[in-house]
Amino acid sequence: MKNIINLRIDVSKIDKKRLFTGQKEIYLDCVLIPKEKNEYGDYMIVESITKEERKSGRQGTILGNAKTMINESAPVDKRDNNTQTTNDLPF
């Protein structure tokens, strides 16, 4: 079975200065932090911060929560993990 993570974000808490433009859209980097036995979900969603901000003790703004859900209809990948695939990806 594959897991699905359901997110709920309070968009009014997003620091607009952390939004950035990619090739086609506007993005925000976020982090899921696992939480044990939390009444709101399995993860806390926070805005990503810079290394310098982390070193200074700053924490990312909490934007919401996420909960792991099990997708019972998703097919299970039964391929051998050691099987090599041939593709032209550089990584």
Protein backbone atom coordinates (compact mmCIF):
# COMPACT_ATOMS: atom_id res chain seq x y z
CA MET A 1 0.00 0.00 0.00
CA LYS A 2 1.09 3.54 -0.63
CA ASN A 3 0.55 6.34 1.83
CA ILE A 4 -1.04 9.65 1.00
CA ILE A 5 -0.32 12.72 3.10
CA ASN A 6 -3.23 15.13 3.42
CA LEU A 7 -2.15 18.76 4.07
CA ARG A 8 -4.03 21.71 5.49
CA ILE A 9 -2.26 25.08 5.26
CA ASP A 10 -3.37 28.44 6.62
CA VAL A 11 -2.34 30.58 3.65
CA SER A 12 -2.82 33.80 5.62
CA LYS A 13 0.31 32.87 7.64
CA ILE A 14 2.59 32.61 4.60
CA ASP A 15 5.38 35.19 4.67
CA LYS A 16 5.09 36.62 1.16
CA LYS A 17 8.85 37.37 1.17
CA ARG A 18 9.47 33.60 1.14
CA LEU A 19 7.60 33.09 -2.13
CA PHE A 20 9.80 32.69 -5.19
CA THR A 21 9.21 32.43 -8.90
CA GLY A 22 10.21 29.24 -10.66
CA GLN A 23 10.18 28.63 -14.40
CA LYS A 24 6.39 28.74 -14.63
CA GLU A 25 4.79 29.28 -11.22
CA ILE A 26 5.26 30.89 -7.81
CA TYR A 27 6.46 28.53 -5.08
CA LEU A 28 6.97 28.29 -1.34
CA ASP A 29 9.36 25.80 0.25
CA CYS A 30 7.90 24.04 3.27
CA VAL A 31 9.02 21.32 5.65
CA LEU A 32 6.99 18.50 7.19
CA ILE A 33 8.09 17.82 10.77
CA PRO A 34 6.88 14.49 12.20
CA LYS A 35 4.87 14.78 15.42
CA GLU A 36 4.04 11.88 17.71
CA LYS A 37 0.54 11.59 19.12
CA ASN A 38 -0.59 15.03 18.01
CA GLU A 39 -4.32 15.73 18.00
CA TYR A 40 -3.98 17.81 14.82
CA GLY A 41 -2.13 15.33 12.63
CA ASP A 42 1.06 13.36 12.08
CA TYR A 43 3.13 16.30 10.81
CA MET A 44 3.52 20.00 11.38
CA ILE A 45 3.99 22.12 8.23
CA VAL A 46 6.47 24.99 8.56
CA GLU A 47 8.01 27.46 6.14
CA SER A 48 11.56 26.62 5.17
CA ILE A 49 14.17 29.00 6.56
CA THR A 50 17.78 29.67 5.67
CA LYS A 51 20.75 28.02 7.35
CA GLU A 52 21.69 31.36 8.92
CA GLU A 53 18.20 31.75 10.38
CA ARG A 54 18.38 28.25 11.88
CA LYS A 55 21.79 29.00 13.40
CA SER A 56 20.39 32.15 15.02
CA GLY A 57 17.64 30.11 16.68
CA ARG A 58 14.77 31.18 14.44
CA GLN A 59 12.08 28.64 13.64
CA GLY A 60 9.94 28.52 10.51
CA THR A 61 6.38 29.83 10.78
CA ILE A 62 3.87 27.05 11.43
CA LEU A 63 1.49 26.98 8.47
CA GLY A 64 -0.63 23.97 9.32
CA ASN A 65 -0.73 20.23 9.82
CA ALA A 66 -0.66 17.06 7.77
CA LYS A 67 -1.99 13.59 8.35
CA THR A 68 -0.89 10.32 6.78
CA MET A 69 -3.74 8.52 5.10
CA ILE A 70 -3.56 5.02 3.65
CA ASN A 71 -4.65 4.68 0.04
CA GLU A 72 -6.07 1.19 -0.04
CA SER A 73 -6.81 1.33 -3.76
CA ALA A 74 -3.24 2.21 -4.77
CA PRO A 75 -1.35 -0.62 -6.45
CA VAL A 76 1.58 -2.05 -4.56
CA ASP A 77 4.93 -1.90 -6.37
CA LYS A 78 6.20 -5.49 -6.25
CA ARG A 79 9.33 -4.91 -8.33
CA ASP A 80 12.66 -5.97 -6.91
CA ASN A 81 14.37 -2.86 -5.51
CA ASN A 82 17.70 -4.03 -6.93
CA THR A 83 16.43 -4.08 -10.50
CA GLN A 84 18.19 -1.48 -12.59
CA THR A 85 16.17 0.55 -15.03
CA THR A 86 17.58 2.03 -18.17
CA ASN A 87 16.81 5.69 -18.60
CA ASP A 88 18.73 8.78 -19.52
CA LEU A 89 18.41 10.56 -16.18
CA PRO A 90 21.65 12.13 -14.99
CA PHE A 91 21.13 10.95 -11.40
